[in-house]
Amino acid sequence: METLLQPGPFIVVASLIGLLIGSFLNVVIHRLPRMMERDWAAQCAELRGEAPPAAEALSLLAPRSRCPLCNRQIGTLENIPILSYLLLRGRCKGCGEPISPRYPLVEATTGLLFGLAAWKLGPGLAALGAMVFVAAMVALTCIDFDTQLLPDDITLPLLWLGLLFNLWNTYTDLSSAMIGAIAGYLSLWSVYWLFKLITGKEGMGYGDFKLLAAIGAWLGWQVLPLTILLSSFVGALVGIALIVLARRGRNVPIPFGPYLATAGVIALFWGKSLTAAYLGLL
């Protein structure tokens, strides 16, 4: 056990665990929005006094993963993070259709971020919390890109977990965490209503408010200006690139959650040093 807690082995083990968690996150990204849609459909049917639509039971654990095209069940050896994708040459073993490269990308990203958490924070509560935080950010990023939704099933538990970890001043003191949660929500809520009053349009969703509140609960109110600045800058660059290079219409909505999540991860690892450097320039 002492050997595993040494810096080198700890980083390797954390990265491997991150690969496995990344594989599970692919399931969350794919299934959670569908589970939400089924819940909404069932609730609407109930309000109309109808029976809920018949459908196969679906959860994060069942049924086993299968190819969405040929419906072939994926075997255990085909679920090894990254390695299976490479051995299968990016194609389904059953029908030969291409497998989205996002699956290994999510696994690799999660593994790298877990390794970074182990390297930057070392063994302990801070590293464990950072792994929970980055796993949630990876899942939220992909779900928002796909559906323009930031599920409460992730954002709200993430907010409460941030306050819980900071009971022991893991990333900031509890007072700063509570103010961060409140200020994070109200800041984007205010921008939302100001934009709506001026333009008559909705510039962002309520999920964005909850995500920034969660980031504030984890890292404290002090990192919120940096997080908003970074997310706005990255979002603007990506939006301009999509309009110019991909000829995407200006009226096509672009999810803001991925940029908030990216900024939150940057703030987790480098927030204090970046804030100090910025204040030093003033």
C-alpha atoms as a PDB file:
ATOM      1  CA  MET A   1       0.000   0.000   0.000  1.00  0.00           C
ATOM      2  CA  GLU A   2       2.826   2.417   0.828  1.00  0.00           C
ATOM      3  CA  THR A   3       4.329   1.762  -2.600  1.00  0.00           C
ATOM      4  CA  LEU A   4       1.075   2.714  -4.328  1.00  0.00           C
ATOM      5  CA  LEU A   5       1.048   6.018  -2.433  1.00  0.00           C
ATOM      6  CA  GLN A   6       4.434   6.993  -3.838  1.00  0.00           C
ATOM      7  CA  PRO A   7       4.140   9.754  -6.491  1.00  0.00           C
ATOM      8  CA  GLY A   8       4.983   7.629  -9.546  1.00  0.00           C
ATOM      9  CA  PRO A   9       2.793   4.582  -8.815  1.00  0.00           C
ATOM     10  CA  PHE A  10      -0.021   6.810  -7.549  1.00  0.00           C
ATOM     11  CA  ILE A  11      -0.115   8.751 -10.824  1.00  0.00           C
ATOM     12  CA  VAL A  12      -0.102   5.522 -12.873  1.00  0.00           C
ATOM     13  CA  VAL A  13      -2.881   3.921 -10.805  1.00  0.00           C
ATOM     14  CA  ALA A  14      -4.963   7.109 -10.880  1.00  0.00           C
ATOM     15  CA  SER A  15      -4.600   7.311 -14.680  1.00  0.00           C
ATOM     16  CA  LEU A  16      -5.680   3.688 -15.110  1.00  0.00           C
ATOM     17  CA  ILE A  17      -8.688   4.252 -12.867  1.00  0.00           C
ATOM     18  CA  GLY A  18      -9.444   7.338 -14.940  1.00  0.00           C
ATOM     19  CA  LEU A  19      -9.514   5.225 -18.111  1.00  0.00           C
ATOM     20  CA  LEU A  20     -12.058   2.890 -16.502  1.00  0.00           C
ATOM     21  CA  ILE A  21     -14.145   5.802 -15.230  1.00  0.00           C
ATOM     22  CA  GLY A  22     -13.981   7.325 -18.706  1.00  0.00           C
ATOM     23  CA  SER A  23     -15.436   4.119 -20.135  1.00  0.00           C
ATOM     24  CA  PHE A  24     -18.327   4.395 -17.679  1.00  0.00           C
ATOM     25  CA  LEU A  25     -18.767   8.083 -18.524  1.00  0.00           C
ATOM     26  CA  ASN A  26     -19.389   7.074 -22.138  1.00  0.00           C
ATOM     27  CA  VAL A  27     -22.383   5.106 -20.866  1.00  0.00           C
ATOM     28  CA  VAL A  28     -23.568   8.084 -18.789  1.00  0.00           C
ATOM     29  CA  ILE A  29     -23.210  10.452 -21.754  1.00  0.00           C
ATOM     30  CA  HIS A  30     -25.172   8.143 -24.028  1.00  0.00           C
ATOM     31  CA  ARG A  31     -27.894   6.943 -21.663  1.00  0.00           C
ATOM     32  CA  LEU A  32     -28.644   9.699 -19.167  1.00  0.00           C
ATOM     33  CA  PRO A  33     -30.330  12.044 -21.712  1.00  0.00           C
ATOM     34  CA  ARG A  34     -32.405   9.116 -22.985  1.00  0.00           C
ATOM     35  CA  MET A  35     -33.408   8.202 -19.457  1.00  0.00           C
ATOM     36  CA  MET A  36     -34.472  11.813 -18.898  1.00  0.00           C
ATOM     37  CA  GLU A  37     -36.528  11.810 -22.110  1.00  0.00           C
ATOM     38  CA  ARG A  38     -38.315   8.656 -20.976  1.00  0.00           C
ATOM     39  CA  ASP A  39     -39.068  10.189 -17.597  1.00  0.00           C
ATOM     40  CA  TRP A  40     -40.503  13.305 -19.265  1.00  0.00           C
ATOM     41  CA  ALA A  41     -42.621  11.189 -21.621  1.00  0.00           C
ATOM     42  CA  ALA A  42     -43.914   9.124 -18.699  1.00  0.00           C
ATOM     43  CA  GLN A  43     -44.778  12.266 -16.714  1.00  0.00           C
ATOM     44  CA  CYS A  44     -46.590  13.802 -19.691  1.00  0.00           C
ATOM     45  CA  ALA A  45     -48.547  10.585 -20.212  1.00  0.00           C
ATOM     46  CA  GLU A  46     -49.492  10.544 -16.527  1.00  0.00           C
ATOM     47  CA  LEU A  47     -50.769  14.132 -16.733  1.00  0.00           C
ATOM     48  CA  ARG A  48     -52.938  13.123 -19.692  1.00  0.00           C
ATOM     49  CA  GLY A  49     -54.218  10.094 -17.796  1.00  0.00           C
ATOM     50  CA  GLU A  50     -52.509   7.717 -20.211  1.00  0.00           C
ATOM     51  CA  ALA A  51     -50.258   4.733 -19.693  1.00  0.00           C
ATOM     52  CA  PRO A  52     -46.532   5.515 -20.114  1.00  0.00           C
ATOM     53  CA  PRO A  53     -45.030   4.518 -23.478  1.00  0.00           C
ATOM     54  CA  ALA A  54     -43.836   0.905 -23.554  1.00  0.00           C
ATOM     55  CA  ALA A  55     -40.058   0.673 -23.718  1.00  0.00           C
ATOM     56  CA  GLU A  56     -37.208  -1.593 -22.687  1.00  0.00           C
ATOM     57  CA  ALA A  57     -35.938  -0.919 -19.162  1.00  0.00           C
ATOM     58  CA  LEU A  58     -32.965   1.425 -19.305  1.00  0.00           C
ATOM     59  CA  SER A  59     -30.510   2.464 -16.589  1.00  0.00           C
ATOM     60  CA  LEU A  60     -26.819   3.238 -16.337  1.00  0.00           C
ATOM     61  CA  LEU A  61     -26.149  -0.420 -15.515  1.00  0.00           C
ATOM     62  CA  ALA A  62     -28.618  -2.314 -17.695  1.00  0.00           C
ATOM     63  CA  PRO A  63     -28.971  -3.520 -20.366  1.00  0.00           C
ATOM     64  CA  ARG A  64     -25.412  -4.296 -21.423  1.00  0.00           C
ATOM     65  CA  SER A  65     -23.859  -2.044 -24.037  1.00  0.00           C
ATOM     66  CA  ARG A  66     -24.625  -2.868 -27.653  1.00  0.00           C
ATOM     67  CA  CYS A  67     -23.920  -1.495 -31.101  1.00  0.00           C
ATOM     68  CA  PRO A  68     -26.554   1.166 -31.899  1.00  0.00           C
ATOM     69  CA  LEU A  69     -26.633   0.045 -35.546  1.00  0.00           C
ATOM     70  CA  CYS A  70     -26.660  -3.767 -35.554  1.00  0.00           C
ATOM     71  CA  ASN A  71     -27.808  -4.161 -31.913  1.00  0.00           C
ATOM     72  CA  ARG A  72     -25.022  -6.665 -31.254  1.00  0.00           C
ATOM     73  CA  GLN A  73     -24.094  -6.947 -27.575  1.00  0.00           C
ATOM     74  CA  ILE A  74     -20.563  -5.736 -26.883  1.00  0.00           C
ATOM     75  CA  GLY A  75     -18.360  -8.315 -25.187  1.00  0.00           C
ATOM     76  CA  THR A  76     -16.152  -7.702 -22.168  1.00  0.00           C
ATOM     77  CA  LEU A  77     -12.931  -7.825 -24.213  1.00  0.00           C
ATOM     78  CA  GLU A  78     -14.375  -5.185 -26.549  1.00  0.00           C
ATOM     79  CA  ASN A  79     -14.845  -2.801 -23.621  1.00  0.00           C
ATOM     80  CA  ILE A  80     -11.204  -2.353 -22.617  1.00  0.00           C
ATOM     81  CA  PRO A  81     -10.579   1.411 -22.657  1.00  0.00           C
ATOM     82  CA  ILE A  82      -8.730   2.664 -25.763  1.00  0.00           C
ATOM     83  CA  LEU A  83      -7.098  -0.739 -26.405  1.00  0.00           C
ATOM     84  CA  SER A  84     -10.293  -2.350 -27.700  1.00  0.00           C
ATOM     85  CA  TYR A  85     -10.885   0.566 -30.065  1.00  0.00           C
ATOM     86  CA  LEU A  86      -7.376   0.189 -31.469  1.00  0.00           C
ATOM     87  CA  LEU A  87      -7.625  -3.605 -31.822  1.00  0.00           C
ATOM     88  CA  LEU A  88     -11.000  -3.294 -33.556  1.00  0.00           C
ATOM     89  CA  ARG A  89      -9.537  -0.544 -35.774  1.00  0.00           C
ATOM     90  CA  GLY A  90     -12.401   1.693 -34.835  1.00  0.00           C
ATOM     91  CA  ARG A  91     -15.102  -0.559 -36.265  1.00  0.00           C
ATOM     92  CA  CYS A  92     -17.901  -2.708 -34.825  1.00  0.00           C
ATOM     93  CA  LYS A  93     -16.970  -6.381 -34.764  1.00  0.00           C
ATOM     94  CA  GLY A  94     -20.475  -7.314 -35.849  1.00  0.00           C
ATOM     95  CA  CYS A  95     -21.463  -4.952 -38.671  1.00  0.00           C
ATOM     96  CA  GLY A  96     -18.143  -3.288 -39.443  1.00  0.00           C
ATOM     97  CA  GLU A  97     -19.540   0.225 -39.138  1.00  0.00           C
ATOM     98  CA  PRO A  98     -17.221   2.914 -37.713  1.00  0.00           C
ATOM     99  CA  ILE A  99     -17.209   3.485 -33.957  1.00  0.00           C
ATOM    100  CA  SER A 100     -17.185   7.135 -32.943  1.00  0.00           C
ATOM    101  CA  PRO A 101     -13.664   8.244 -31.953  1.00  0.00           C
ATOM    102  CA  ARG A 102     -15.252  10.157 -29.096  1.00  0.00           C
ATOM    103  CA  TYR A 103     -15.375   6.963 -27.018  1.00  0.00           C
ATOM    104  CA  PRO A 104     -11.583   6.577 -26.720  1.00  0.00           C
ATOM    105  CA  LEU A 105     -11.204  10.368 -26.548  1.00  0.00           C
ATOM    106  CA  VAL A 106     -13.431  10.532 -23.460  1.00  0.00           C
ATOM    107  CA  GLU A 107     -11.493   7.636 -21.899  1.00  0.00           C
ATOM    108  CA  ALA A 108      -8.112   9.205 -22.668  1.00  0.00           C
ATOM    109  CA  THR A 109      -9.179  12.657 -21.445  1.00  0.00           C
ATOM    110  CA  THR A 110     -10.503  11.264 -18.167  1.00  0.00           C
ATOM    111  CA  GLY A 111      -7.358   9.180 -17.660  1.00  0.00           C
ATOM    112  CA  LEU A 112      -5.110  12.194 -18.293  1.00  0.00           C
ATOM    113  CA  LEU A 113      -7.108  14.418 -15.942  1.00  0.00           C
ATOM    114  CA  PHE A 114      -7.054  11.783 -13.183  1.00  0.00           C
ATOM    115  CA  GLY A 115      -3.281  11.494 -13.635  1.00  0.00           C
ATOM    116  CA  LEU A 116      -2.960  15.279 -13.511  1.00  0.00           C
ATOM    117  CA  ALA A 117      -4.976  15.376 -10.277  1.00  0.00           C
ATOM    118  CA  ALA A 118      -2.689  12.740  -8.754  1.00  0.00           C
ATOM    119  CA  TRP A 119       0.432  14.617  -9.885  1.00  0.00           C
ATOM    120  CA  LYS A 120      -0.694  18.087  -8.795  1.00  0.00           C
ATOM    121  CA  LEU A 121      -2.415  17.191  -5.514  1.00  0.00           C
ATOM    122  CA  GLY A 122      -0.807  13.942  -4.338  1.00  0.00           C
ATOM    123  CA  PRO A 123      -2.545  11.193  -2.349  1.00  0.00           C
ATOM    124  CA  GLY A 124      -5.392  12.469  -0.206  1.00  0.00           C
ATOM    125  CA  LEU A 125      -8.839  13.974  -0.120  1.00  0.00           C
ATOM    126  CA  ALA A 126      -7.986  16.796  -2.534  1.00  0.00           C
ATOM    127  CA  ALA A 127      -6.986  14.385  -5.308  1.00  0.00           C
ATOM    128  CA  LEU A 128     -10.085  12.243  -4.744  1.00  0.00           C
ATOM    129  CA  GLY A 129     -12.360  15.263  -4.951  1.00  0.00           C
ATOM    130  CA  ALA A 130     -10.570  16.565  -8.046  1.00  0.00           C
ATOM    131  CA  MET A 131     -11.204  13.240  -9.787  1.00  0.00           C
ATOM    132  CA  VAL A 132     -14.912  13.435  -8.968  1.00  0.00           C
ATOM    133  CA  PHE A 133     -14.986  17.037 -10.209  1.00  0.00           C
ATOM    134  CA  VAL A 134     -13.251  16.386 -13.539  1.00  0.00           C
ATOM    135  CA  ALA A 135     -15.321  13.248 -14.212  1.00  0.00           C
ATOM    136  CA  ALA A 136     -18.503  15.306 -13.833  1.00  0.00           C
ATOM    137  CA  MET A 137     -17.088  18.023 -16.102  1.00  0.00           C
ATOM    138  CA  VAL A 138     -16.244  15.530 -18.849  1.00  0.00           C
ATOM    139  CA  ALA A 139     -19.748  14.050 -18.730  1.00  0.00           C
ATOM    140  CA  LEU A 140     -21.459  17.453 -18.683  1.00  0.00           C
ATOM    141  CA  THR A 141     -19.344  18.718 -21.585  1.00  0.00           C
ATOM    142  CA  CYS A 142     -20.321  15.864 -23.887  1.00  0.00           C
ATOM    143  CA  ILE A 143     -23.990  15.811 -22.850  1.00  0.00           C
ATOM    144  CA  ASP A 144     -24.306  19.559 -23.426  1.00  0.00           C
ATOM    145  CA  PHE A 145     -22.668  19.293 -26.852  1.00  0.00           C
ATOM    146  CA  ASP A 146     -25.116  16.530 -27.801  1.00  0.00           C
ATOM    147  CA  THR A 147     -28.363  17.805 -26.300  1.00  0.00           C
ATOM    148  CA  GLN A 148     -27.795  21.361 -24.994  1.00  0.00           C
ATOM    149  CA  LEU A 149     -28.796  20.034 -21.579  1.00  0.00           C
ATOM    150  CA  LEU A 150     -26.911  20.070 -18.274  1.00  0.00           C
ATOM    151  CA  PRO A 151     -28.757  17.447 -16.208  1.00  0.00           C
ATOM    152  CA  ASP A 152     -29.707  18.279 -12.637  1.00  0.00           C
ATOM    153  CA  ASP A 153     -28.779  14.667 -11.849  1.00  0.00           C
ATOM    154  CA  ILE A 154     -25.139  15.754 -12.207  1.00  0.00           C
ATOM    155  CA  THR A 155     -25.003  19.491 -11.485  1.00  0.00           C
ATOM    156  CA  LEU A 156     -26.938  19.488  -8.205  1.00  0.00           C
ATOM    157  CA  PRO A 157     -25.083  16.574  -6.526  1.00  0.00           C
ATOM    158  CA  LEU A 158     -21.853  18.189  -7.750  1.00  0.00           C
ATOM    159  CA  LEU A 159     -22.793  21.436  -5.990  1.00  0.00           C
ATOM    160  CA  TRP A 160     -23.520  19.692  -2.678  1.00  0.00           C
ATOM    161  CA  LEU A 161     -20.362  17.579  -2.954  1.00  0.00           C
ATOM    162  CA  GLY A 162     -18.319  20.762  -3.367  1.00  0.00           C
ATOM    163  CA  LEU A 163     -19.692  22.135  -0.108  1.00  0.00           C
ATOM    164  CA  LEU A 164     -19.119  18.758   1.552  1.00  0.00           C
ATOM    165  CA  PHE A 165     -15.457  18.556   0.532  1.00  0.00           C
ATOM    166  CA  ASN A 166     -14.905  22.105   1.749  1.00  0.00           C
ATOM    167  CA  LEU A 167     -16.129  21.240   5.231  1.00  0.00           C
ATOM    168  CA  TRP A 168     -12.441  20.325   5.657  1.00  0.00           C
ATOM    169  CA  ASN A 169     -11.188  23.373   3.672  1.00  0.00           C
ATOM    170  CA  THR A 170     -10.059  21.011   0.911  1.00  0.00           C
ATOM    171  CA  TYR A 171     -10.037  23.655  -1.844  1.00  0.00           C
ATOM    172  CA  THR A 172     -11.247  26.736  -0.016  1.00  0.00           C
ATOM    173  CA  ASP A 173     -12.933  27.610   3.263  1.00  0.00           C
ATOM    174  CA  LEU A 174     -16.610  26.773   3.671  1.00  0.00           C
ATOM    175  CA  SER A 175     -17.667  30.418   3.762  1.00  0.00           C
ATOM    176  CA  SER A 176     -16.009  31.109   0.398  1.00  0.00           C
ATOM    177  CA  ALA A 177     -17.587  27.941  -1.005  1.00  0.00           C
ATOM    178  CA  MET A 178     -21.087  28.960   0.065  1.00  0.00           C
ATOM    179  CA  ILE A 179     -20.649  32.484  -1.296  1.00  0.00           C
ATOM    180  CA  GLY A 180     -19.227  30.940  -4.477  1.00  0.00           C
ATOM    181  CA  ALA A 181     -22.315  28.773  -4.953  1.00  0.00           C
ATOM    182  CA  ILE A 182     -24.663  31.723  -4.462  1.00  0.00           C
ATOM    183  CA  ALA A 183     -22.621  34.174  -6.548  1.00  0.00           C
ATOM    184  CA  GLY A 184     -22.067  31.609  -9.298  1.00  0.00           C
ATOM    185  CA  TYR A 185     -25.784  31.044  -9.740  1.00  0.00           C
ATOM    186  CA  LEU A 186     -26.873  34.671  -9.407  1.00  0.00           C
ATOM    187  CA  SER A 187     -24.203  36.071 -11.730  1.00  0.00           C
ATOM    188  CA  LEU A 188     -25.333  34.071 -14.772  1.00  0.00           C
ATOM    189  CA  TRP A 189     -28.973  34.353 -13.720  1.00  0.00           C
ATOM    190  CA  SER A 190     -28.591  38.138 -13.842  1.00  0.00           C
ATOM    191  CA  VAL A 191     -26.898  38.006 -17.261  1.00  0.00           C
ATOM    192  CA  TYR A 192     -29.681  35.736 -18.527  1.00  0.00           C
ATOM    193  CA  TRP A 193     -32.448  38.126 -17.514  1.00  0.00           C
ATOM    194  CA  LEU A 194     -30.604  41.239 -18.651  1.00  0.00           C
ATOM    195  CA  PHE A 195     -30.029  39.683 -22.083  1.00  0.00           C
ATOM    196  CA  LYS A 196     -33.655  38.537 -22.269  1.00  0.00           C
ATOM    197  CA  LEU A 197     -34.992  41.973 -21.340  1.00  0.00           C
ATOM    198  CA  ILE A 198     -32.817  43.655 -23.989  1.00  0.00           C
ATOM    199  CA  THR A 199     -33.222  41.171 -26.856  1.00  0.00           C
ATOM    200  CA  GLY A 200     -36.327  39.154 -25.957  1.00  0.00           C
ATOM    201  CA  LYS A 201     -34.267  35.966 -26.405  1.00  0.00           C
ATOM    202  CA  GLU A 202     -32.819  33.433 -23.993  1.00  0.00           C
ATOM    203  CA  GLY A 203     -29.031  33.534 -24.139  1.00  0.00           C
ATOM    204  CA  MET A 204     -28.371  30.476 -21.957  1.00  0.00           C
ATOM    205  CA  GLY A 205     -30.139  27.794 -19.955  1.00  0.00           C
ATOM    206  CA  TYR A 206     -30.680  27.342 -16.246  1.00  0.00           C
ATOM    207  CA  GLY A 207     -28.224  24.458 -16.275  1.00  0.00           C
ATOM    208  CA  ASP A 208     -25.415  26.960 -16.868  1.00  0.00           C
ATOM    209  CA  PHE A 209     -26.375  28.803 -13.657  1.00  0.00           C
ATOM    210  CA  LYS A 210     -26.246  25.548 -11.686  1.00  0.00           C
ATOM    211  CA  LEU A 211     -22.920  24.514 -13.207  1.00  0.00           C
ATOM    212  CA  LEU A 212     -21.239  27.797 -12.283  1.00  0.00           C
ATOM    213  CA  ALA A 213     -22.788  27.529  -8.811  1.00  0.00           C
ATOM    214  CA  ALA A 214     -21.207  24.064  -8.503  1.00  0.00           C
ATOM    215  CA  ILE A 215     -17.813  25.416  -9.592  1.00  0.00           C
ATOM    216  CA  GLY A 216     -18.146  28.177  -7.003  1.00  0.00           C
ATOM    217  CA  ALA A 217     -19.045  25.612  -4.331  1.00  0.00           C
ATOM    218  CA  TRP A 218     -15.888  23.630  -5.088  1.00  0.00           C
ATOM    219  CA  LEU A 219     -13.375  26.407  -5.637  1.00  0.00           C
ATOM    220  CA  GLY A 220     -14.788  29.475  -3.895  1.00  0.00           C
ATOM    221  CA  TRP A 221     -16.062  32.809  -5.106  1.00  0.00           C
ATOM    222  CA  GLN A 222     -12.510  34.027  -5.774  1.00  0.00           C
ATOM    223  CA  VAL A 223     -12.163  31.952  -8.964  1.00  0.00           C
ATOM    224  CA  LEU A 224     -15.521  32.926 -10.470  1.00  0.00           C
ATOM    225  CA  PRO A 225     -14.258  35.998 -12.396  1.00  0.00           C
ATOM    226  CA  LEU A 226     -11.458  33.885 -13.892  1.00  0.00           C
ATOM    227  CA  THR A 227     -13.878  31.075 -14.761  1.00  0.00           C
ATOM    228  CA  ILE A 228     -16.339  33.417 -16.489  1.00  0.00           C
ATOM    229  CA  LEU A 229     -13.526  35.198 -18.344  1.00  0.00           C
ATOM    230  CA  LEU A 230     -11.917  31.971 -19.569  1.00  0.00           C
ATOM    231  CA  SER A 231     -15.200  30.348 -20.584  1.00  0.00           C
ATOM    232  CA  SER A 232     -16.351  33.459 -22.464  1.00  0.00           C
ATOM    233  CA  PHE A 233     -13.018  33.752 -24.270  1.00  0.00           C
ATOM    234  CA  VAL A 234     -12.915  30.093 -25.323  1.00  0.00           C
ATOM    235  CA  GLY A 235     -16.605  30.115 -26.241  1.00  0.00           C
ATOM    236  CA  ALA A 236     -16.141  33.196 -28.418  1.00  0.00           C
ATOM    237  CA  LEU A 237     -13.178  31.642 -30.242  1.00  0.00           C
ATOM    238  CA  VAL A 238     -15.007  28.391 -30.877  1.00  0.00           C
ATOM    239  CA  GLY A 239     -18.180  30.198 -31.944  1.00  0.00           C
ATOM    240  CA  ILE A 240     -16.290  32.364 -34.446  1.00  0.00           C
ATOM    241  CA  ALA A 241     -14.467  29.295 -35.771  1.00  0.00           C
ATOM    242  CA  LEU A 242     -17.756  27.422 -36.270  1.00  0.00           C
ATOM    243  CA  ILE A 243     -19.289  30.371 -38.109  1.00  0.00           C
ATOM    244  CA  VAL A 244     -16.246  30.977 -40.348  1.00  0.00           C
ATOM    245  CA  LEU A 245     -14.935  27.451 -40.954  1.00  0.00           C
ATOM    246  CA  ALA A 246     -18.019  25.271 -40.578  1.00  0.00           C
ATOM    247  CA  ARG A 247     -20.392  27.908 -42.041  1.00  0.00           C
ATOM    248  CA  ARG A 248     -22.634  27.556 -39.019  1.00  0.00           C
ATOM    249  CA  GLY A 249     -25.446  30.106 -38.897  1.00  0.00           C
ATOM    250  CA  ARG A 250     -25.209  32.849 -36.299  1.00  0.00           C
ATOM    251  CA  ASN A 251     -28.676  31.975 -35.022  1.00  0.00           C
ATOM    252  CA  VAL A 252     -27.741  28.351 -34.303  1.00  0.00           C
ATOM    253  CA  PRO A 253     -27.345  28.062 -30.507  1.00  0.00           C
ATOM    254  CA  ILE A 254     -23.939  27.070 -29.129  1.00  0.00           C
ATOM    255  CA  PRO A 255     -23.883  25.358 -25.712  1.00  0.00           C
ATOM    256  CA  PHE A 256     -22.024  27.339 -23.054  1.00  0.00           C
ATOM    257  CA  GLY A 257     -21.657  24.459 -20.572  1.00  0.00           C
ATOM    258  CA  PRO A 258     -18.559  22.893 -22.196  1.00  0.00           C
ATOM    259  CA  TYR A 259     -16.673  26.172 -21.913  1.00  0.00           C
ATOM    260  CA  LEU A 260     -17.708  26.626 -18.291  1.00  0.00           C
ATOM    261  CA  ALA A 261     -16.588  23.062 -17.577  1.00  0.00           C
ATOM    262  CA  THR A 262     -13.233  23.594 -19.308  1.00  0.00           C
ATOM    263  CA  ALA A 263     -12.676  26.819 -17.400  1.00  0.00           C
ATOM    264  CA  GLY A 264     -13.644  25.053 -14.167  1.00  0.00           C
ATOM    265  CA  VAL A 265     -11.004  22.361 -14.700  1.00  0.00           C
ATOM    266  CA  ILE A 266      -8.369  25.005 -15.472  1.00  0.00           C
ATOM    267  CA  ALA A 267      -9.383  26.905 -12.341  1.00  0.00           C
ATOM    268  CA  LEU A 268      -9.185  23.724 -10.262  1.00  0.00           C
ATOM    269  CA  PHE A 269      -5.548  23.116 -11.132  1.00  0.00           C
ATOM    270  CA  TRP A 270      -4.195  26.589 -11.901  1.00  0.00           C
ATOM    271  CA  GLY A 271      -6.832  29.045 -10.658  1.00  0.00           C
ATOM    272  CA  LYS A 272      -4.846  30.569  -7.810  1.00  0.00           C
ATOM    273  CA  SER A 273      -1.670  31.069  -9.848  1.00  0.00           C
ATOM    274  CA  LEU A 274      -3.585  32.522 -12.831  1.00  0.00           C
ATOM    275  CA  THR A 275      -5.548  34.886 -10.591  1.00  0.00           C
ATOM    276  CA  ALA A 276      -2.347  36.016  -8.849  1.00  0.00           C
ATOM    277  CA  ALA A 277      -0.641  36.569 -12.207  1.00  0.00           C
ATOM    278  CA  TYR A 278      -3.615  38.576 -13.513  1.00  0.00           C
ATOM    279  CA  LEU A 279      -3.789  40.752 -10.403  1.00  0.00           C
ATOM    280  CA  GLY A 280      -0.043  41.295 -10.672  1.00  0.00           C
ATOM    281  CA  LEU A 281      -0.530  42.879 -14.099  1.00  0.00           C
ATOM    282  CA  LEU A 282      -2.961  45.484 -12.731  1.00  0.00           C
END
